[in-house]
């Protein structure tokens, strides 16, 4: 798990389909934290929150809860994960993202 409760919540959301109905609340907490001017995010944290928000959107849409988020949220996960991996100074995170993406774009 991460050191950020909102990100942990997004990770837990993805574990079981039964949790997906709560994705709107998870998204709202992620967005509230990412926009908090009193505790601004670093560039890497901002990408991580954007990725978690996209995952919450996809889970929400997959749960068929109304109203839906943008239909193209899932398509934006790969590019954001790629940018996060490229900017991160964390080999473990880079490896996990590369594995999740199925390799780097030039490898696919």
N, C-alpha and C. Protein backbone atom coordinates (compact mmCIF):
# COMPACT_ATOMS: atom_id res chain seq x y z
N UNK A 1 0.84 -1.19 0.00
CA UNK A 1 0.00 0.00 0.00
C UNK A 1 0.88 1.25 0.00
N UNK A 2 0.28 2.34 -0.35
CA UNK A 2 1.02 3.60 -0.43
C UNK A 2 0.94 4.33 0.90
N UNK A 3 1.57 5.49 0.95
CA UNK A 3 1.52 6.32 2.15
C UNK A 3 0.40 7.35 2.06
N UNK A 4 -0.45 7.21 1.05
CA UNK A 4 -1.53 8.18 0.81
C UNK A 4 -2.87 7.45 0.96
N UNK A 5 -3.66 7.81 1.97
CA UNK A 5 -4.91 7.08 2.21
C UNK A 5 -5.86 7.05 1.01
N UNK A 6 -5.95 8.15 0.27
CA UNK A 6 -6.85 8.19 -0.88
C UNK A 6 -6.42 7.21 -1.97
N UNK A 7 -5.11 7.07 -2.16
CA UNK A 7 -4.60 6.12 -3.15
C UNK A 7 -4.85 4.70 -2.66
N UNK A 8 -4.63 4.45 -1.38
CA UNK A 8 -4.92 3.13 -0.81
C UNK A 8 -6.38 2.75 -1.03
N UNK A 9 -7.25 3.71 -0.84
CA UNK A 9 -8.67 3.47 -1.03
C UNK A 9 -8.97 3.09 -2.49
N UNK A 10 -8.31 3.76 -3.43
CA UNK A 10 -8.49 3.43 -4.85
C UNK A 10 -7.96 2.03 -5.15
N UNK A 11 -6.85 1.65 -4.54
CA UNK A 11 -6.30 0.31 -4.74
C UNK A 11 -7.25 -0.75 -4.20
N UNK A 12 -7.82 -0.50 -3.03
CA UNK A 12 -8.78 -1.45 -2.45
C UNK A 12 -10.03 -1.57 -3.31
N UNK A 13 -10.43 -0.47 -3.91
CA UNK A 13 -11.61 -0.44 -4.76
C UNK A 13 -11.48 -1.45 -5.90
N UNK A 14 -10.30 -1.57 -6.44
CA UNK A 14 -10.09 -2.41 -7.62
C UNK A 14 -10.07 -3.91 -7.30
N UNK A 15 -9.97 -4.25 -6.02
CA UNK A 15 -9.79 -5.66 -5.67
C UNK A 15 -11.00 -6.55 -5.96
N UNK A 16 -12.20 -6.03 -5.76
CA UNK A 16 -13.38 -6.85 -6.01
C UNK A 16 -14.46 -6.03 -6.70
N UNK A 17 -15.20 -6.69 -7.55
CA UNK A 17 -16.27 -6.04 -8.29
C UNK A 17 -17.34 -5.46 -7.37
N UNK A 18 -17.54 -6.07 -6.22
CA UNK A 18 -18.53 -5.58 -5.27
C UNK A 18 -18.21 -4.17 -4.77
N UNK A 19 -16.95 -3.78 -4.81
CA UNK A 19 -16.54 -2.46 -4.35
C UNK A 19 -16.78 -1.37 -5.38
N UNK A 20 -16.94 -1.74 -6.64
CA UNK A 20 -17.00 -0.76 -7.72
C UNK A 20 -18.15 0.23 -7.55
N UNK A 21 -19.23 -0.18 -6.91
CA UNK A 21 -20.37 0.72 -6.72
C UNK A 21 -20.01 1.93 -5.84
N UNK A 22 -18.89 1.84 -5.12
CA UNK A 22 -18.44 2.93 -4.26
C UNK A 22 -17.41 3.83 -4.95
N UNK A 23 -17.22 3.61 -6.22
CA UNK A 23 -16.17 4.32 -6.95
C UNK A 23 -16.39 5.83 -7.01
N UNK A 24 -17.63 6.27 -7.06
CA UNK A 24 -17.90 7.72 -7.11
C UNK A 24 -17.39 8.40 -5.84
N UNK A 25 -17.63 7.79 -4.70
CA UNK A 25 -17.15 8.36 -3.43
C UNK A 25 -15.62 8.37 -3.38
N UNK A 26 -15.01 7.30 -3.87
CA UNK A 26 -13.54 7.24 -3.90
C UNK A 26 -13.01 8.32 -4.83
N UNK A 27 -13.62 8.46 -6.00
CA UNK A 27 -13.21 9.51 -6.93
C UNK A 27 -13.33 10.89 -6.29
N UNK A 28 -14.44 11.14 -5.62
CA UNK A 28 -14.65 12.45 -4.99
C UNK A 28 -13.57 12.76 -3.95
N UNK A 29 -13.19 11.76 -3.17
CA UNK A 29 -12.12 11.98 -2.17
C UNK A 29 -10.77 12.22 -2.85
N UNK A 30 -10.50 11.47 -3.90
CA UNK A 30 -9.25 11.68 -4.66
C UNK A 30 -9.22 13.09 -5.24
N UNK A 31 -10.29 13.50 -5.87
CA UNK A 31 -10.33 14.81 -6.51
C UNK A 31 -10.22 15.93 -5.47
N UNK A 32 -10.93 15.76 -4.35
CA UNK A 32 -10.86 16.77 -3.28
C UNK A 32 -9.42 16.94 -2.81
N UNK A 33 -8.72 15.83 -2.61
CA UNK A 33 -7.33 15.90 -2.15
C UNK A 33 -6.42 16.47 -3.22
N UNK A 34 -6.62 16.07 -4.47
CA UNK A 34 -5.72 16.54 -5.53
C UNK A 34 -5.87 18.04 -5.78
N UNK A 35 -7.03 18.60 -5.45
CA UNK A 35 -7.25 20.04 -5.65
C UNK A 35 -7.00 20.87 -4.40
N UNK A 36 -6.55 20.24 -3.33
CA UNK A 36 -6.32 20.95 -2.06
C UNK A 36 -5.13 21.90 -2.19
N UNK A 37 -5.42 23.19 -2.24
CA UNK A 37 -4.37 24.22 -2.40
C UNK A 37 -3.49 24.34 -1.15
N UNK A 38 -3.99 23.90 0.00
CA UNK A 38 -3.21 23.98 1.24
C UNK A 38 -2.10 22.94 1.27
N UNK A 39 -2.24 21.87 0.49
CA UNK A 39 -1.23 20.82 0.44
C UNK A 39 -1.04 20.40 -1.02
N UNK A 40 -0.39 21.26 -1.82
CA UNK A 40 -0.25 20.96 -3.25
C UNK A 40 0.56 19.69 -3.50
N UNK A 41 0.20 19.02 -4.58
CA UNK A 41 0.88 17.78 -4.97
C UNK A 41 2.10 18.08 -5.82
N UNK A 42 3.08 17.20 -5.75
CA UNK A 42 4.21 17.27 -6.67
C UNK A 42 3.71 16.79 -8.03
N UNK A 43 4.53 16.96 -9.05
CA UNK A 43 4.15 16.50 -10.39
C UNK A 43 3.89 15.00 -10.40
N UNK A 44 4.76 14.24 -9.75
CA UNK A 44 4.59 12.79 -9.70
C UNK A 44 3.32 12.41 -8.94
N UNK A 45 3.07 13.07 -7.81
CA UNK A 45 1.85 12.80 -7.04
C UNK A 45 0.61 13.14 -7.86
N UNK A 46 0.68 14.24 -8.60
CA UNK A 46 -0.45 14.65 -9.43
C UNK A 46 -0.77 13.57 -10.47
N UNK A 47 0.25 13.01 -11.10
CA UNK A 47 0.04 11.94 -12.06
C UNK A 47 -0.55 10.71 -11.38
N UNK A 48 -0.07 10.39 -10.18
CA UNK A 48 -0.58 9.25 -9.44
C UNK A 48 -2.06 9.44 -9.10
N UNK A 49 -2.41 10.64 -8.67
CA UNK A 49 -3.82 10.93 -8.36
C UNK A 49 -4.66 10.88 -9.63
N UNK A 50 -4.15 11.39 -10.72
CA UNK A 50 -4.88 11.35 -12.00
C UNK A 50 -5.13 9.89 -12.40
N UNK A 51 -4.12 9.06 -12.25
CA UNK A 51 -4.26 7.64 -12.57
C UNK A 51 -5.32 6.99 -11.68
N UNK A 52 -5.26 7.26 -10.39
CA UNK A 52 -6.24 6.69 -9.45
C UNK A 52 -7.65 7.19 -9.76
N UNK A 53 -7.78 8.46 -10.13
CA UNK A 53 -9.09 9.00 -10.50
C UNK A 53 -9.65 8.29 -11.74
N UNK A 54 -8.79 8.05 -12.72
CA UNK A 54 -9.24 7.35 -13.93
C UNK A 54 -9.69 5.93 -13.61
N UNK A 55 -8.96 5.26 -12.74
CA UNK A 55 -9.34 3.90 -12.34
C UNK A 55 -10.69 3.93 -11.63
N UNK A 56 -10.90 4.91 -10.76
CA UNK A 56 -12.19 5.03 -10.07
C UNK A 56 -13.31 5.30 -11.08
N UNK A 57 -13.04 6.11 -12.09
CA UNK A 57 -14.05 6.38 -13.11
C UNK A 57 -14.43 5.10 -13.85
N UNK A 58 -13.44 4.32 -14.23
CA UNK A 58 -13.70 3.08 -14.96
C UNK A 58 -14.48 2.11 -14.09
N UNK A 59 -14.11 2.00 -12.82
CA UNK A 59 -14.83 1.11 -11.90
C UNK A 59 -16.28 1.56 -11.75
N UNK A 60 -16.49 2.85 -11.63
CA UNK A 60 -17.84 3.40 -11.51
C UNK A 60 -18.67 3.05 -12.75
N UNK A 61 -18.10 3.28 -13.92
CA UNK A 61 -18.81 2.98 -15.16
C UNK A 61 -19.07 1.48 -15.30
N UNK A 62 -18.12 0.66 -14.89
CA UNK A 62 -18.28 -0.80 -14.98
C UNK A 62 -19.37 -1.29 -14.04
N UNK A 63 -19.57 -0.57 -12.93
CA UNK A 63 -20.63 -0.95 -11.99
C UNK A 63 -22.00 -0.53 -12.50
N UNK A 64 -22.02 0.21 -13.62
CA UNK A 64 -23.25 0.67 -14.25
C UNK A 64 -24.07 1.56 -13.31
N UNK A 65 -23.36 2.39 -12.55
CA UNK A 65 -23.99 3.35 -11.66
C UNK A 65 -24.17 4.65 -12.44
N UNK A 66 -25.27 5.30 -12.23
CA UNK A 66 -25.57 6.55 -12.94
C UNK A 66 -25.35 7.75 -12.05
N UNK A 67 -24.97 8.87 -12.59
CA UNK A 67 -24.59 9.09 -13.98
C UNK A 67 -23.18 8.58 -14.23
N UNK A 68 -22.90 8.18 -15.46
CA UNK A 68 -21.56 7.66 -15.76
C UNK A 68 -20.54 8.78 -15.91
N UNK A 69 -19.28 8.39 -15.75
CA UNK A 69 -18.17 9.29 -16.06
C UNK A 69 -17.92 9.22 -17.57
N UNK A 70 -16.97 10.03 -18.06
CA UNK A 70 -16.62 10.05 -19.48
C UNK A 70 -16.33 8.63 -19.97
N UNK A 71 -16.83 8.33 -21.15
CA UNK A 71 -16.69 6.99 -21.71
C UNK A 71 -15.25 6.63 -22.06
N UNK A 72 -14.40 7.64 -22.24
CA UNK A 72 -13.02 7.37 -22.67
C UNK A 72 -12.01 7.31 -21.52
N UNK A 73 -12.49 7.25 -20.29
CA UNK A 73 -11.57 7.24 -19.14
C UNK A 73 -10.58 6.10 -19.20
N UNK A 74 -11.02 4.94 -19.58
CA UNK A 74 -10.13 3.78 -19.65
C UNK A 74 -9.00 3.95 -20.65
N UNK A 75 -9.29 4.64 -21.75
CA UNK A 75 -8.27 4.85 -22.77
C UNK A 75 -7.17 5.80 -22.29
N UNK A 76 -7.45 6.60 -21.28
CA UNK A 76 -6.47 7.56 -20.78
C UNK A 76 -5.56 6.95 -19.71
N UNK A 77 -5.89 5.77 -19.20
CA UNK A 77 -5.08 5.14 -18.15
C UNK A 77 -3.67 4.84 -18.64
N UNK A 78 -3.53 4.22 -19.80
CA UNK A 78 -2.22 3.85 -20.34
C UNK A 78 -1.28 5.04 -20.48
N UNK A 79 -1.70 6.10 -21.17
CA UNK A 79 -0.82 7.26 -21.32
C UNK A 79 -0.42 7.91 -19.99
N UNK A 80 -1.36 7.99 -19.05
CA UNK A 80 -1.02 8.58 -17.74
C UNK A 80 -0.05 7.67 -17.00
N UNK A 81 -0.29 6.36 -17.03
CA UNK A 81 0.61 5.42 -16.37
C UNK A 81 2.01 5.48 -17.00
N UNK A 82 2.06 5.61 -18.31
CA UNK A 82 3.34 5.73 -19.01
C UNK A 82 4.09 6.99 -18.56
N UNK A 83 3.38 8.12 -18.50
CA UNK A 83 4.00 9.38 -18.04
C UNK A 83 4.47 9.27 -16.59
N UNK A 84 3.67 8.63 -15.75
CA UNK A 84 4.04 8.45 -14.35
C UNK A 84 5.29 7.59 -14.25
N UNK A 85 5.33 6.51 -14.98
CA UNK A 85 6.48 5.61 -14.95
C UNK A 85 7.74 6.32 -15.44
N UNK A 86 7.61 7.11 -16.49
CA UNK A 86 8.77 7.82 -17.04
C UNK A 86 9.28 8.90 -16.09
N UNK A 87 8.40 9.49 -15.30
CA UNK A 87 8.82 10.58 -14.41
C UNK A 87 9.23 10.08 -13.02
N UNK A 88 8.86 8.87 -12.68
CA UNK A 88 9.12 8.36 -11.33
C UNK A 88 10.57 7.95 -11.16
N UNK A 89 11.09 8.26 -9.99
CA UNK A 89 12.45 7.83 -9.64
C UNK A 89 12.34 6.64 -8.69
N UNK A 90 11.52 5.67 -9.09
CA UNK A 90 11.24 4.52 -8.26
C UNK A 90 11.20 3.29 -9.17
N UNK A 91 12.28 2.53 -9.21
CA UNK A 91 12.34 1.36 -10.11
C UNK A 91 11.22 0.35 -9.87
N UNK A 92 10.80 0.19 -8.62
CA UNK A 92 9.73 -0.76 -8.33
C UNK A 92 8.42 -0.28 -8.96
N UNK A 93 8.12 1.00 -8.82
CA UNK A 93 6.91 1.56 -9.43
C UNK A 93 7.01 1.45 -10.96
N UNK A 94 8.16 1.78 -11.51
CA UNK A 94 8.34 1.68 -12.96
C UNK A 94 8.11 0.25 -13.44
N UNK A 95 8.63 -0.71 -12.71
CA UNK A 95 8.44 -2.12 -13.08
C UNK A 95 6.99 -2.55 -13.02
N UNK A 96 6.30 -2.14 -11.97
CA UNK A 96 4.88 -2.50 -11.82
C UNK A 96 4.03 -1.86 -12.91
N UNK A 97 4.31 -0.60 -13.23
CA UNK A 97 3.54 0.07 -14.28
C UNK A 97 3.85 -0.52 -15.64
N UNK A 98 5.12 -0.83 -15.90
CA UNK A 98 5.50 -1.44 -17.18
C UNK A 98 4.81 -2.78 -17.34
N UNK A 99 4.76 -3.57 -16.27
CA UNK A 99 4.09 -4.86 -16.32
C UNK A 99 2.59 -4.67 -16.57
N UNK A 100 1.98 -3.73 -15.87
CA UNK A 100 0.54 -3.48 -16.04
C UNK A 100 0.22 -3.00 -17.45
N UNK A 101 1.13 -2.23 -18.04
CA UNK A 101 0.91 -1.71 -19.39
C UNK A 101 1.20 -2.75 -20.47
N UNK A 102 1.86 -3.84 -20.09
CA UNK A 102 2.21 -4.85 -21.08
C UNK A 102 3.48 -4.52 -21.83
N UNK A 103 4.32 -3.66 -21.25
CA UNK A 103 5.57 -3.23 -21.87
C UNK A 103 5.49 -1.79 -22.28
N UNK A 104 6.61 -1.25 -22.69
CA UNK A 104 6.66 0.13 -23.17
C UNK A 104 6.10 0.18 -24.56
N UNK A 105 5.60 1.32 -24.99
CA UNK A 105 4.99 1.42 -26.33
C UNK A 105 5.85 0.89 -27.45
N UNK A 106 7.16 1.12 -27.42
CA UNK A 106 8.02 0.62 -28.48
C UNK A 106 8.22 -0.89 -28.42
N UNK A 107 7.86 -1.52 -27.26
CA UNK A 107 7.99 -2.96 -27.11
C UNK A 107 6.74 -3.69 -27.56
N UNK A 108 5.66 -2.98 -27.71
CA UNK A 108 4.36 -3.62 -27.99
C UNK A 108 4.14 -3.76 -29.47
